[in-house]
PDB file of N, CA and C in Angstrom:
ATOM      1  N   UNK A   1     119.003 116.145  89.140  1.00  0.00           N
ATOM      2  CA  UNK A   1     118.144 115.291  88.697  1.00  0.00           C
ATOM      3  C   UNK A   1     116.830 115.280  89.411  1.00  0.00           C
ATOM      4  N   UNK A   2     115.592 115.249  88.989  1.00  0.00           N
ATOM      5  CA  UNK A   2     114.362 115.439  89.371  1.00  0.00           C
ATOM      6  C   UNK A   2     113.803 113.867  89.883  1.00  0.00           C
ATOM      7  N   UNK A   3     112.868 113.766  90.627  1.00  0.00           N
ATOM      8  CA  UNK A   3     112.395 112.567  91.242  1.00  0.00           C
ATOM      9  C   UNK A   3     111.315 112.042  90.227  1.00  0.00           C
ATOM     10  N   UNK A   4     111.293 110.917  89.715  1.00  0.00           N
ATOM     11  CA  UNK A   4     110.376 110.407  88.725  1.00  0.00           C
ATOM     12  C   UNK A   4     109.190 109.649  89.322  1.00  0.00           C
ATOM     13  N   UNK A   5     108.109 109.803  88.966  1.00  0.00           N
ATOM     14  CA  UNK A   5     106.936 108.913  89.769  1.00  0.00           C
ATOM     15  C   UNK A   5     106.308 108.223  88.721  1.00  0.00           C
ATOM     16  N   UNK A   6     105.250 107.427  89.001  1.00  0.00           N
ATOM     17  CA  UNK A   6     104.794 106.681  87.897  1.00  0.00           C
ATOM     18  C   UNK A   6     103.847 107.611  87.103  1.00  0.00           C
ATOM     19  N   UNK A   7     103.297 108.546  87.549  1.00  0.00           N
ATOM     20  CA  UNK A   7     102.373 109.683  87.021  1.00  0.00           C
ATOM     21  C   UNK A   7     102.949 111.059  87.104  1.00  0.00           C
ATOM     22  N   UNK A   8     103.008 111.792  86.065  1.00  0.00           N
ATOM     23  CA  UNK A   8     103.302 113.259  86.046  1.00  0.00           C
ATOM     24  C   UNK A   8     102.180 113.907  86.491  1.00  0.00           C
ATOM     25  N   UNK A   9     102.547 115.231  86.937  1.00  0.00           N
ATOM     26  CA  UNK A   9     101.050 116.078  87.196  1.00  0.00           C
ATOM     27  C   UNK A   9     100.029 115.946  86.004  1.00  0.00           C
ATOM     28  N   UNK A  10     100.364 115.968  84.912  1.00  0.00           N
ATOM     29  CA  UNK A  10      99.647 115.941  83.567  1.00  0.00           C
ATOM     30  C   UNK A  10      98.840 114.641  83.304  1.00  0.00           C
ATOM     31  N   UNK A  11      99.680 113.661  83.790  1.00  0.00           N
ATOM     32  CA  UNK A  11      98.940 112.291  83.825  1.00  0.00           C
ATOM     33  C   UNK A  11      97.813 112.071  84.966  1.00  0.00           C
ATOM     34  N   UNK A  12      98.074 112.697  85.938  1.00  0.00           N
ATOM     35  CA  UNK A  12      97.255 112.477  87.087  1.00  0.00           C
ATOM     36  C   UNK A  12      96.022 113.243  86.797  1.00  0.00           C
ATOM     37  N   UNK A  13      96.349 114.524  86.240  1.00  0.00           N
ATOM     38  CA  UNK A  13      95.160 115.448  85.855  1.00  0.00           C
ATOM     39  C   UNK A  13      94.243 114.864  84.765  1.00  0.00           C
ATOM     40  N   UNK A  14      94.486 114.148  83.845  1.00  0.00           N
ATOM     41  CA  UNK A  14      94.142 113.754  82.619  1.00  0.00           C
ATOM     42  C   UNK A  14      93.489 112.471  83.160  1.00  0.00           C
ATOM     43  N   UNK A  15      94.073 111.578  83.978  1.00  0.00           N
ATOM     44  CA  UNK A  15      93.621 110.315  84.185  1.00  0.00           C
ATOM     45  C   UNK A  15      92.063 110.600  85.472  1.00  0.00           C
ATOM     46  N   UNK A  16      92.562 111.697  86.094  1.00  0.00           N
ATOM     47  CA  UNK A  16      91.515 111.804  87.153  1.00  0.00           C
ATOM     48  C   UNK A  16      90.275 112.719  86.587  1.00  0.00           C
ATOM     49  N   UNK A  17      90.390 113.031  85.315  1.00  0.00           N
ATOM     50  CA  UNK A  17      89.408 113.858  84.689  1.00  0.00           C
ATOM     51  C   UNK A  17      89.311 115.427  85.373  1.00  0.00           C
ATOM     52  N   UNK A  18      90.655 115.785  85.764  1.00  0.00           N
ATOM     53  CA  UNK A  18      90.526 117.049  86.271  1.00  0.00           C
ATOM     54  C   UNK A  18      90.526 118.195  85.218  1.00  0.00           C
ATOM     55  N   UNK A  19      91.059 117.712  83.988  1.00  0.00           N
ATOM     56  CA  UNK A  19      91.131 118.686  82.871  1.00  0.00           C
ATOM     57  C   UNK A  19      90.207 118.271  81.772  1.00  0.00           C
ATOM     58  N   UNK A  20      89.790 119.018  81.073  1.00  0.00           N
ATOM     59  CA  UNK A  20      89.129 118.766  79.791  1.00  0.00           C
ATOM     60  C   UNK A  20      89.814 118.649  78.659  1.00  0.00           C
ATOM     61  N   UNK A  21      90.000 116.901  78.263  1.00  0.00           N
ATOM     62  CA  UNK A  21      91.115 116.907  77.211  1.00  0.00           C
ATOM     63  C   UNK A  21      90.282 115.765  76.520  1.00  0.00           C
ATOM     64  N   UNK A  22      90.755 115.538  75.166  1.00  0.00           N
ATOM     65  CA  UNK A  22      90.119 114.452  74.357  1.00  0.00           C
ATOM     66  C   UNK A  22      90.455 113.272  74.926  1.00  0.00           C
ATOM     67  N   UNK A  23      89.992 112.256  74.555  1.00  0.00           N
ATOM     68  CA  UNK A  23      89.945 110.804  75.064  1.00  0.00           C
ATOM     69  C   UNK A  23      91.179 110.357  74.814  1.00  0.00           C
ATOM     70  N   UNK A  24      91.826 110.890  73.528  1.00  0.00           N
ATOM     71  CA  UNK A  24      93.001 110.400  72.851  1.00  0.00           C
ATOM     72  C   UNK A  24      94.108 110.605  73.906  1.00  0.00           C
ATOM     73  N   UNK A  25      93.894 111.929  74.544  1.00  0.00           N
ATOM     74  CA  UNK A  25      94.929 112.493  75.517  1.00  0.00           C
ATOM     75  C   UNK A  25      95.122 111.563  76.825  1.00  0.00           C
ATOM     76  N   UNK A  26      93.934 111.314  77.398  1.00  0.00           N
ATOM     77  CA  UNK A  26      93.772 110.322  78.443  1.00  0.00           C
ATOM     78  C   UNK A  26      94.269 108.832  78.185  1.00  0.00           C
ATOM     79  N   UNK A  27      94.135 108.383  76.891  1.00  0.00           N
ATOM     80  CA  UNK A  27      94.546 107.240  76.564  1.00  0.00           C
ATOM     81  C   UNK A  27      96.221 107.325  76.506  1.00  0.00           C
ATOM     82  N   UNK A  28      96.634 108.345  75.960  1.00  0.00           N
ATOM     83  CA  UNK A  28      98.092 108.530  76.023  1.00  0.00           C
ATOM     84  C   UNK A  28      98.701 108.553  77.412  1.00  0.00           C
ATOM     85  N   UNK A  29      98.074 109.295  78.325  1.00  0.00           N
ATOM     86  CA  UNK A  29      98.560 109.109  79.644  1.00  0.00           C
ATOM     87  C   UNK A  29      98.484 107.784  80.347  1.00  0.00           C
ATOM     88  N   UNK A  30      97.375 107.095  80.170  1.00  0.00           N
ATOM     89  CA  UNK A  30      97.364 105.684  80.599  1.00  0.00           C
ATOM     90  C   UNK A  30      98.349 104.799  79.862  1.00  0.00           C
ATOM     91  N   UNK A  31      98.739 104.936  78.709  1.00  0.00           N
ATOM     92  CA  UNK A  31      99.721 104.097  78.097  1.00  0.00           C
ATOM     93  C   UNK A  31     100.893 104.477  78.797  1.00  0.00           C
ATOM     94  N   UNK A  32     101.401 105.682  78.839  1.00  0.00           N
ATOM     95  CA  UNK A  32     102.655 105.881  79.786  1.00  0.00           C
ATOM     96  C   UNK A  32     102.888 105.323  81.101  1.00  0.00           C
ATOM     97  N   UNK A  33     101.524 105.475  81.581  1.00  0.00           N
ATOM     98  CA  UNK A  33     101.686 104.988  82.976  1.00  0.00           C
ATOM     99  C   UNK A  33     101.824 103.396  82.979  1.00  0.00           C
ATOM    100  N   UNK A  34     101.265 102.804  82.017  1.00  0.00           N
ATOM    101  CA  UNK A  34     101.468 101.403  81.971  1.00  0.00           C
ATOM    102  C   UNK A  34     102.763 100.965  81.587  1.00  0.00           C
ATOM    103  N   UNK A  35     103.314 101.783  80.714  1.00  0.00           N
ATOM    104  CA  UNK A  35     105.044 101.325  80.422  1.00  0.00           C
ATOM    105  C   UNK A  35     105.615 101.675  81.632  1.00  0.00           C
ATOM    106  N   UNK A  36     105.290 102.533  82.538  1.00  0.00           N
ATOM    107  CA  UNK A  36     106.158 103.015  83.720  1.00  0.00           C
ATOM    108  C   UNK A  36     106.035 101.742  84.867  1.00  0.00           C
ATOM    109  N   UNK A  37     104.645 101.231  84.904  1.00  0.00           N
ATOM    110  CA  UNK A  37     104.474 100.164  85.618  1.00  0.00           C
ATOM    111  C   UNK A  37     105.269  98.850  85.384  1.00  0.00           C
ATOM    112  N   UNK A  38     105.362  98.711  84.067  1.00  0.00           N
ATOM    113  CA  UNK A  38     106.461  97.598  83.584  1.00  0.00           C
ATOM    114  C   UNK A  38     107.574  97.692  83.995  1.00  0.00           C
ATOM    115  N   UNK A  39     108.194  98.991  83.972  1.00  0.00           N
ATOM    116  CA  UNK A  39     109.536  99.292  84.358  1.00  0.00           C
ATOM    117  C   UNK A  39     109.671  99.164  85.917  1.00  0.00           C
ATOM    118  N   UNK A  40     108.555  99.530  86.558  1.00  0.00           N
ATOM    119  CA  UNK A  40     108.579  99.384  88.011  1.00  0.00           C
ATOM    120  C   UNK A  40     108.503  98.016  88.385  1.00  0.00           C
ATOM    121  N   UNK A  41     108.090  97.042  87.678  1.00  0.00           N
ATOM    122  CA  UNK A  41     108.145  95.573  87.899  1.00  0.00           C
ATOM    123  C   UNK A  41     109.421  95.023  87.751  1.00  0.00           C
ATOM    124  N   UNK A  42     110.212  95.681  86.807  1.00  0.00           N
ATOM    125  CA  UNK A  42     111.656  95.124  86.678  1.00  0.00           C
ATOM    126  C   UNK A  42     112.460  95.545  87.854  1.00  0.00           C
ATOM    127  N   UNK A  43     112.088  96.939  88.216  1.00  0.00           N
ATOM    128  CA  UNK A  43     112.995  97.590  89.257  1.00  0.00           C
ATOM    129  C   UNK A  43     112.804  96.522  90.477  1.00  0.00           C
ATOM    130  N   UNK A  44     111.411  96.400  91.004  1.00  0.00           N
ATOM    131  CA  UNK A  44     111.086  95.753  92.062  1.00  0.00           C
ATOM    132  C   UNK A  44     111.721  94.313  92.004  1.00  0.00           C
ATOM    133  N   UNK A  45     111.946  93.858  91.080  1.00  0.00           N
ATOM    134  CA  UNK A  45     112.730  92.402  90.808  1.00  0.00           C
ATOM    135  C   UNK A  45     114.281  92.482  91.270  1.00  0.00           C
ATOM    136  N   UNK A  46     114.813  93.667  90.745  1.00  0.00           N
ATOM    137  CA  UNK A  46     116.114  93.945  90.889  1.00  0.00           C
ATOM    138  C   UNK A  46     116.507  94.405  92.260  1.00  0.00           C
ATOM    139  N   UNK A  47     115.586  95.149  92.937  1.00  0.00           N
ATOM    140  CA  UNK A  47     115.657  95.579  94.210  1.00  0.00           C
ATOM    141  C   UNK A  47     115.406  94.253  95.339  1.00  0.00           C
ATOM    142  N   UNK A  48     114.470  93.381  94.900  1.00  0.00           N
ATOM    143  CA  UNK A  48     114.244  92.181  95.877  1.00  0.00           C
ATOM    144  C   UNK A  48     115.663  91.382  95.957  1.00  0.00           C
ATOM    145  N   UNK A  49     116.250  91.161  94.894  1.00  0.00           N
ATOM    146  CA  UNK A  49     117.289  90.401  94.689  1.00  0.00           C
ATOM    147  C   UNK A  49     118.535  91.008  95.216  1.00  0.00           C
ATOM    148  N   UNK A  50     118.655  92.552  94.995  1.00  0.00           N
ATOM    149  CA  UNK A  50     119.974  93.130  95.338  1.00  0.00           C
ATOM    150  C   UNK A  50     119.743  93.972  96.328  1.00  0.00           C
ATOM    151  N   UNK A  51     118.992  94.681  97.064  1.00  0.00           N
ATOM    152  CA  UNK A  51     118.811  95.443  98.185  1.00  0.00           C
ATOM    153  C   UNK A  51     117.291  95.283  98.563  1.00  0.00           C
ATOM    154  N   UNK A  52     117.247  93.989  99.261  1.00  0.00           N
ATOM    155  CA  UNK A  52     115.980  93.793 100.041  1.00  0.00           C
ATOM    156  C   UNK A  52     115.277  94.971 100.902  1.00  0.00           C
ATOM    157  N   UNK A  53     116.191  95.742 101.811  1.00  0.00           N
ATOM    158  CA  UNK A  53     115.472  96.722 102.453  1.00  0.00           C
ATOM    159  C   UNK A  53     114.596  97.773 101.469  1.00  0.00           C
ATOM    160  N   UNK A  54     115.446  98.191 100.521  1.00  0.00           N
ATOM    161  CA  UNK A  54     114.839  99.071  99.380  1.00  0.00           C
ATOM    162  C   UNK A  54     113.319  98.443  98.992  1.00  0.00           C
ATOM    163  N   UNK A  55     113.566  97.199  98.571  1.00  0.00           N
ATOM    164  CA  UNK A  55     112.394  96.443  98.150  1.00  0.00           C
ATOM    165  C   UNK A  55     111.163  96.432  99.330  1.00  0.00           C
ATOM    166  N   UNK A  56     111.537  96.277 100.286  1.00  0.00           N
ATOM    167  CA  UNK A  56     110.478  96.462 101.187  1.00  0.00           C
ATOM    168  C   UNK A  56     109.705  97.753 101.587  1.00  0.00           C
ATOM    169  N   UNK A  57     110.719  98.836 101.368  1.00  0.00           N
ATOM    170  CA  UNK A  57     110.065 100.054 101.382  1.00  0.00           C
ATOM    171  C   UNK A  57     109.144 100.462 100.234  1.00  0.00           C
ATOM    172  N   UNK A  58     109.483  99.848  99.122  1.00  0.00           N
ATOM    173  CA  UNK A  58     108.688  99.980  97.930  1.00  0.00           C
ATOM    174  C   UNK A  58     107.432  99.109  98.302  1.00  0.00           C
ATOM    175  N   UNK A  59     107.544  98.072  98.565  1.00  0.00           N
ATOM    176  CA  UNK A  59     106.173  97.227  98.944  1.00  0.00           C
ATOM    177  C   UNK A  59     105.411  97.973 100.022  1.00  0.00           C
ATOM    178  N   UNK A  60     105.935  98.550 101.052  1.00  0.00           N
ATOM    179  CA  UNK A  60     105.065  99.290 102.021  1.00  0.00           C
ATOM    180  C   UNK A  60     104.555 100.502 101.387  1.00  0.00           C
ATOM    181  N   UNK A  61     105.133 101.274 100.513  1.00  0.00           N
ATOM    182  CA  UNK A  61     104.831 102.467  99.956  1.00  0.00           C
ATOM    183  C   UNK A  61     103.575 102.248  99.086  1.00  0.00           C
ATOM    184  N   UNK A  62     103.527 101.013  98.359  1.00  0.00           N
ATOM    185  CA  UNK A  62     102.285 100.698  97.394  1.00  0.00           C
ATOM    186  C   UNK A  62     101.366 100.149  98.016  1.00  0.00           C
ATOM    187  N   UNK A  63     101.643  99.515  98.977  1.00  0.00           N
ATOM    188  CA  UNK A  63     100.616  98.616  99.758  1.00  0.00           C
ATOM    189  C   UNK A  63      99.848  99.110 100.775  1.00  0.00           C
ATOM    190  N   UNK A  64     100.410 100.179 101.418  1.00  0.00           N
ATOM    191  CA  UNK A  64      99.802 101.131 102.342  1.00  0.00           C
ATOM    192  C   UNK A  64      98.454 101.919 101.685  1.00  0.00           C
ATOM    193  N   UNK A  65      98.725 102.107 100.513  1.00  0.00           N
ATOM    194  CA  UNK A  65      97.394 103.121  99.968  1.00  0.00           C
ATOM    195  C   UNK A  65      96.485 102.098  99.256  1.00  0.00           C
TER     196      UNK A  65
END
């Protein structure tokens, strides 16, 4: 099983404007990323309650950038 990030390579390229695509494609990518952020919020709540060490790693990874 592969690692899942908030953005796929395609999402990154579209959102960053690195590829020439219709606005609708950029919107699709942004919409998918929003859905993943919502899932990440749920995951963070679970980690905070059930595995505080992993929660802290997540916070550090997000907040450092």
